[in-house]
Amino acid sequence: MTTPTLDRTKAAPVVRTGDRLFRGSTLTAGILILVTLAAVAIFLVAESIPAFTEDPAKIKGSPSSFWAYVGPLVFGTIWVAFIALLIAVPLSIGVALFITHYAPRRLAQSLGYVVDLLAAVPSVVYGLWGISVLAPAVQPIYSWLTDNFGWLPFFAAPVSGTGRTVLTVGIVLAVMVLPIITALSREIFLQTPKLHEEAALALGATRWEMIRIAVLPFGRPGIVSASMLGLGRALGETMAVAMILSPGAFITWALTQSQNTNTIAANIALNFPESHGLDVSVLIATGLILFVITFGVNFIARAIVDRRKAFSGAN
């Protein structure tokens, strides 16, 4: 008597047409992003080579070297973005916590919509608001700061008579990046496990203590990611900075003076229409420097988030 043998071969999985199309489209999208990024990098490097090899005396303004030309611009770009984040991050976290843990539901929804709408305002409108409304309003404050704290390099005299200073630009950029950081932080805080919050409250913690020991540690990677996304917006902002600042080719820590260091993006926008030949290559080279700075910022942010990935909602 023969015993039946079991067929151990497994049937091949059935791949549906929709799954095949979706996989192909996502793969194409991912490859397209990498190709686009590589194309931008190649263009910037190729077009900026003359700026590094030609005689610096041919550059507009005749700097001693290309790095002497781009140095103040790099400083101004990072300095303005730092001021914006210094103002925006605490305010954004506070607004996000108020919406998620303090405000009544109806008020929280309305406030969330208002904050999200700020992201839809064009940068030109922010620039006009900074010139027409914000600058005249803060100029008396700048005068008071210079009179009382002028011994600090940040508020050294002479004070601007118009209020169009690097600190005004920092405030405008803070308002521009606030909806980005607030929206992402709000979504992260809402993903905090309820069991963690209830456990902290059950142990006798107040609402703020519960937020400090349960919500903020859980949302720290998201806060870092949101802050870096806002930093990328601040680093690349052009019109608002170009409309408000009266730039100069120097490095200064003063926040309330009328002459301020320019940023890379604003410098390109102001000078590109009148540039030709080597000057165009110099401007593209400064764009390459901004590209590297932005890439470095995102790389650092990714490293920080990876160190805290055990506390993220995805894990």
Protein backbone atom coordinates (compact mmCIF):
# COMPACT_ATOMS: atom_id res chain seq x y z
CA MET A 1 0.00 0.00 0.00
CA THR A 2 1.47 3.30 -1.05
CA THR A 3 1.22 6.34 1.19
CA PRO A 4 0.22 9.61 -0.46
CA THR A 5 2.92 12.21 -0.63
CA LEU A 6 2.24 15.81 0.29
CA ASP A 7 2.97 18.46 -2.26
CA ARG A 8 5.19 20.88 -0.41
CA THR A 9 5.49 23.35 -3.23
CA LYS A 10 3.93 26.71 -2.46
CA ALA A 11 1.78 28.53 -4.88
CA ALA A 12 3.27 31.73 -6.22
CA PRO A 13 1.70 34.81 -4.68
CA VAL A 14 -0.76 36.58 -6.90
CA VAL A 15 0.31 40.14 -7.70
CA ARG A 16 -2.63 42.27 -8.67
CA THR A 17 -2.39 44.89 -11.39
CA GLY A 18 -3.20 47.71 -8.96
CA ASP A 19 -0.40 46.65 -6.61
CA ARG A 20 2.03 46.44 -9.51
CA LEU A 21 1.10 49.91 -10.74
CA PHE A 22 1.30 51.40 -7.26
CA ARG A 23 4.71 49.87 -6.61
CA GLY A 24 6.00 51.07 -9.95
CA SER A 25 4.69 54.60 -9.44
CA THR A 26 6.21 54.93 -5.97
CA LEU A 27 9.54 53.58 -7.21
CA THR A 28 9.47 56.03 -10.10
CA ALA A 29 8.68 58.91 -7.75
CA GLY A 30 11.56 58.00 -5.45
CA ILE A 31 14.02 57.70 -8.32
CA LEU A 32 12.77 60.99 -9.79
CA ILE A 33 13.47 62.80 -6.53
CA LEU A 34 17.03 61.46 -6.42
CA VAL A 35 17.62 62.32 -10.07
CA THR A 36 16.30 65.85 -9.57
CA LEU A 37 18.49 66.38 -6.51
CA ALA A 38 21.53 65.09 -8.37
CA ALA A 39 20.74 67.31 -11.37
CA VAL A 40 20.50 70.39 -9.15
CA ALA A 41 23.79 69.54 -7.45
CA ILE A 42 25.57 68.94 -10.77
CA PHE A 43 24.23 72.22 -12.20
CA LEU A 44 25.35 74.22 -9.15
CA VAL A 45 28.82 72.68 -9.13
CA ALA A 46 29.36 73.06 -12.87
CA GLU A 47 28.16 76.66 -13.06
CA SER A 48 30.04 77.79 -9.94
CA ILE A 49 33.50 76.52 -10.97
CA PRO A 50 34.57 79.91 -12.46
CA ALA A 51 33.87 81.60 -9.13
CA PHE A 52 36.53 79.44 -7.48
CA THR A 53 39.12 79.56 -10.28
CA GLU A 54 38.95 83.11 -11.68
CA ASP A 55 40.77 86.14 -10.30
CA PRO A 56 38.78 87.56 -7.34
CA ALA A 57 39.50 91.07 -8.64
CA LYS A 58 36.96 90.42 -11.41
CA ILE A 59 34.15 89.84 -8.91
CA LYS A 60 31.79 92.73 -8.27
CA GLY A 61 33.11 94.63 -5.25
CA SER A 62 36.61 93.16 -5.73
CA PRO A 63 36.83 90.98 -2.59
CA SER A 64 40.15 89.43 -1.63
CA SER A 65 38.70 85.98 -2.40
CA PHE A 66 35.41 84.26 -3.06
CA TRP A 67 35.26 83.16 0.58
CA ALA A 68 35.66 86.78 1.71
CA TYR A 69 32.62 87.56 -0.43
CA VAL A 70 30.44 84.66 0.72
CA GLY A 71 31.54 84.68 4.38
CA PRO A 72 29.30 87.57 5.52
CA LEU A 73 26.41 86.10 3.53
CA VAL A 74 26.75 82.74 5.25
CA PHE A 75 26.90 84.46 8.62
CA GLY A 76 23.82 86.55 7.85
CA THR A 77 21.86 83.54 6.62
CA ILE A 78 22.58 81.48 9.72
CA TRP A 79 22.20 84.46 12.09
CA VAL A 80 18.76 85.45 10.79
CA ALA A 81 17.53 81.84 10.77
CA PHE A 82 18.81 81.33 14.33
CA ILE A 83 16.94 84.41 15.54
CA ALA A 84 13.77 83.18 13.82
CA LEU A 85 14.00 79.74 15.42
CA LEU A 86 14.83 81.22 18.81
CA ILE A 87 11.53 83.06 18.69
CA ALA A 88 9.39 80.55 16.82
CA VAL A 89 10.21 77.21 18.48
CA PRO A 90 9.12 78.03 22.07
CA LEU A 91 6.07 79.89 20.79
CA SER A 92 5.11 77.06 18.44
CA ILE A 93 5.47 74.41 21.14
CA GLY A 94 3.37 76.53 23.50
CA VAL A 95 0.62 77.00 20.90
CA ALA A 96 0.67 73.29 20.04
CA LEU A 97 0.40 72.29 23.71
CA PHE A 98 -2.43 74.76 24.27
CA ILE A 99 -4.36 73.38 21.29
CA THR A 100 -3.87 69.73 22.27
CA HIS A 101 -4.05 69.78 26.08
CA TYR A 102 -5.59 73.00 27.38
CA ALA A 103 -8.03 74.60 24.95
CA PRO A 104 -11.66 73.45 24.65
CA ARG A 105 -12.25 71.36 21.56
CA ARG A 106 -14.17 74.01 19.63
CA LEU A 107 -11.58 76.69 20.39
CA ALA A 108 -8.75 74.26 19.60
CA GLN A 109 -10.18 73.50 16.16
CA SER A 110 -10.67 77.18 15.32
CA LEU A 111 -7.20 78.12 16.55
CA GLY A 112 -5.67 75.25 14.62
CA TYR A 113 -7.33 76.46 11.40
CA VAL A 114 -6.08 80.02 11.98
CA VAL A 115 -2.52 78.86 12.58
CA ASP A 116 -2.60 76.66 9.49
CA LEU A 117 -3.83 79.59 7.39
CA LEU A 118 -0.68 81.53 8.23
CA ALA A 119 1.26 79.09 6.05
CA ALA A 120 -0.81 80.16 3.02
CA VAL A 121 0.17 83.84 3.24
CA PRO A 122 2.72 84.73 0.50
CA SER A 123 6.16 85.89 1.60
CA VAL A 124 5.67 89.21 -0.22
CA VAL A 125 2.72 89.95 2.06
CA TYR A 126 4.86 89.18 5.09
CA GLY A 127 7.49 91.55 3.73
CA LEU A 128 4.95 94.34 3.28
CA TRP A 129 3.61 93.71 6.77
CA GLY A 130 7.14 93.85 8.16
CA ILE A 131 7.87 97.19 6.46
CA SER A 132 4.53 98.93 6.99
CA VAL A 133 3.33 97.61 10.35
CA LEU A 134 5.96 95.75 12.33
CA ALA A 135 9.01 97.97 11.74
CA PRO A 136 7.37 101.24 12.89
CA ALA A 137 5.80 99.45 15.86
CA VAL A 138 9.07 97.98 17.19
CA GLN A 139 11.31 101.00 16.49
CA PRO A 140 10.57 102.63 19.90
CA ILE A 141 11.39 99.31 21.56
CA TYR A 142 14.71 99.20 19.71
CA SER A 143 15.48 102.73 20.92
CA TRP A 144 14.74 101.71 24.50
CA LEU A 145 16.94 98.63 24.18
CA THR A 146 19.81 100.70 22.78
CA ASP A 147 19.47 103.32 25.53
CA ASN A 148 19.39 100.78 28.35
CA PHE A 149 21.41 97.85 26.99
CA GLY A 150 23.67 99.54 24.49
CA TRP A 151 26.70 98.07 26.26
CA LEU A 152 25.74 94.72 24.77
CA PRO A 153 26.97 94.13 21.21
CA PHE A 154 23.48 92.99 20.19
CA PHE A 155 21.97 96.43 20.95
CA ALA A 156 24.90 98.69 20.15
CA ALA A 157 24.25 102.20 18.84
CA PRO A 158 23.29 103.74 16.51
CA VAL A 159 19.72 102.50 16.49
CA SER A 160 17.77 102.29 13.27
CA GLY A 161 15.33 105.11 12.73
CA THR A 162 13.00 102.96 10.61
CA GLY A 163 12.99 99.66 12.51
CA ARG A 164 14.05 97.74 9.40
CA THR A 165 16.72 95.65 11.10
CA VAL A 166 17.87 92.06 11.27
CA LEU A 167 15.78 91.58 14.43
CA THR A 168 12.67 92.68 12.52
CA VAL A 169 13.52 90.16 9.81
CA GLY A 170 13.94 87.49 12.49
CA ILE A 171 10.48 88.27 13.89
CA VAL A 172 8.91 88.15 10.42
CA LEU A 173 10.59 84.82 9.65
CA ALA A 174 9.48 83.49 13.04
CA VAL A 175 5.86 84.25 12.10
CA MET A 176 6.41 82.58 8.73
CA VAL A 177 7.80 79.32 10.16
CA LEU A 178 5.46 79.24 13.18
CA PRO A 179 2.58 77.43 11.37
CA ILE A 180 4.95 74.74 10.09
CA ILE A 181 6.43 73.94 13.49
CA THR A 182 3.09 74.28 15.27
CA ALA A 183 1.21 71.98 12.90
CA LEU A 184 3.79 69.19 13.07
CA SER A 185 4.23 69.51 16.85
CA ARG A 186 0.47 69.43 17.33
CA GLU A 187 0.14 66.19 15.38
CA ILE A 188 3.01 64.62 17.32
CA PHE A 189 1.53 65.61 20.69
CA LEU A 190 -1.83 64.11 19.69
CA GLN A 191 -0.10 60.78 19.04
CA THR A 192 1.17 60.50 22.63
CA PRO A 193 -0.20 57.21 24.04
CA LYS A 194 -3.13 57.91 26.31
CA LEU A 195 -1.93 55.22 28.70
CA HIS A 196 1.24 57.24 29.32
CA GLU A 197 -0.74 60.38 30.07
CA GLU A 198 -3.26 58.57 32.28
CA ALA A 199 -0.48 56.76 34.14
CA ALA A 200 1.25 60.04 34.93
CA LEU A 201 -2.01 61.61 36.13
CA ALA A 202 -2.83 58.51 38.19
CA LEU A 203 0.51 58.84 39.99
CA GLY A 204 -0.49 62.33 41.11
CA ALA A 205 1.16 64.47 38.44
CA THR A 206 -0.37 67.79 37.53
CA ARG A 207 -1.25 68.52 33.91
CA TRP A 208 2.04 70.35 33.33
CA GLU A 209 4.02 67.57 35.03
CA MET A 210 2.23 65.03 32.85
CA ILE A 211 3.19 67.04 29.76
CA ARG A 212 6.79 67.34 30.94
CA ILE A 213 7.32 63.65 31.71
CA ALA A 214 5.07 62.01 29.08
CA VAL A 215 4.22 64.31 26.16
CA LEU A 216 7.43 66.26 25.59
CA PRO A 217 9.81 63.24 25.73
CA PHE A 218 7.56 61.36 23.31
CA GLY A 219 7.34 64.30 20.94
CA ARG A 220 10.99 65.36 21.06
CA PRO A 221 11.97 63.74 17.72
CA GLY A 222 8.96 65.34 16.07
CA ILE A 223 9.82 68.73 17.55
CA VAL A 224 13.36 68.45 16.21
CA SER A 225 12.07 67.47 12.77
CA ALA A 226 9.55 70.31 12.75
CA SER A 227 12.20 72.81 13.86
CA MET A 228 14.58 71.69 11.11
CA LEU A 229 11.81 72.00 8.55
CA GLY A 230 11.15 75.53 9.77
CA LEU A 231 14.88 76.23 9.69
CA GLY A 232 14.99 75.18 6.06
CA ARG A 233 12.22 77.68 5.31
CA ALA A 234 14.06 80.43 7.18
CA LEU A 235 17.39 79.69 5.48
CA GLY A 236 15.89 79.94 2.01
CA GLU A 237 13.52 82.87 2.51
CA THR A 238 14.14 85.60 -0.05
CA MET A 239 11.51 88.27 -0.58
CA ALA A 240 10.75 89.17 3.03
CA VAL A 241 14.45 89.56 3.80
CA ALA A 242 15.18 91.52 0.62
CA MET A 243 12.28 93.91 1.23
CA ILE A 244 13.07 94.70 4.87
CA LEU A 245 16.86 94.73 5.21
CA SER A 246 19.33 97.41 4.20
CA PRO A 247 22.20 94.97 3.70
CA GLY A 248 25.95 95.45 3.82
CA ALA A 249 28.95 93.23 3.05
CA PHE A 250 30.18 92.83 6.61
CA ILE A 251 29.64 90.74 9.74
CA THR A 252 27.90 92.31 12.71
CA TRP A 253 26.10 90.98 15.76
CA ALA A 254 24.01 94.14 16.16
CA LEU A 255 20.28 93.54 16.00
CA THR A 256 18.92 97.09 15.99
CA GLN A 257 21.16 98.98 13.55
CA SER A 258 20.08 100.11 10.09
CA GLN A 259 23.02 98.41 8.31
CA ASN A 260 22.90 94.63 8.56
CA THR A 261 24.50 91.56 7.08
CA ASN A 262 22.66 90.21 4.05
CA THR A 263 21.57 86.60 3.47
CA ILE A 264 22.51 84.36 0.55
CA ALA A 265 19.00 84.04 -0.86
CA ALA A 266 18.25 87.78 -0.63
CA ASN A 267 21.64 88.65 -2.13
CA ILE A 268 20.93 86.42 -5.14
CA ALA A 269 17.49 87.95 -5.64
CA LEU A 270 18.80 91.51 -5.44
CA ASN A 271 21.87 91.11 -7.67
CA PHE A 272 20.99 88.43 -10.22
CA PRO A 273 19.00 90.67 -12.63
CA GLU A 274 21.99 93.03 -13.05
CA SER A 275 24.71 90.35 -13.14
CA HIS A 276 26.44 88.78 -16.12
CA GLY A 277 29.45 86.60 -16.82
CA LEU A 278 31.54 85.87 -13.73
CA ASP A 279 29.10 87.62 -11.42
CA VAL A 280 26.42 85.07 -12.33
CA SER A 281 28.81 82.22 -11.51
CA VAL A 282 29.58 83.85 -8.15
CA LEU A 283 25.89 84.07 -7.30
CA ILE A 284 25.36 80.43 -8.33
CA ALA A 285 28.35 79.48 -6.17
CA THR A 286 26.71 81.18 -3.19
CA GLY A 287 23.59 79.16 -4.00
CA LEU A 288 25.76 76.04 -3.88
CA ILE A 289 26.94 77.06 -0.40
CA LEU A 290 23.31 77.48 0.69
CA PHE A 291 22.52 74.06 -0.79
CA VAL A 292 25.33 72.50 1.27
CA ILE A 293 24.21 74.30 4.43
CA THR A 294 20.62 73.08 4.01
CA PHE A 295 21.80 69.54 3.33
CA GLY A 296 24.01 69.63 6.42
CA VAL A 297 21.15 70.90 8.58
CA ASN A 298 18.89 68.08 7.43
CA PHE A 299 21.66 65.52 7.97
CA ILE A 300 22.19 66.72 11.55
CA ALA A 301 18.44 66.68 12.19
CA ARG A 302 18.18 63.15 10.85
CA ALA A 303 20.99 62.05 13.16
CA ILE A 304 19.28 63.64 16.17
CA VAL A 305 15.97 61.99 15.36
CA ASP A 306 17.63 58.59 14.88
CA ARG A 307 19.17 58.84 18.33
CA ARG A 308 15.68 59.27 19.78
CA LYS A 309 13.82 56.89 17.49
CA ALA A 310 13.04 54.52 20.36
CA PHE A 311 10.73 57.21 21.75
CA SER A 312 9.01 58.13 18.49
CA GLY A 313 5.44 57.23 17.64
CA ALA A 314 6.56 55.04 14.74
CA ASN A 315 8.19 52.66 17.15
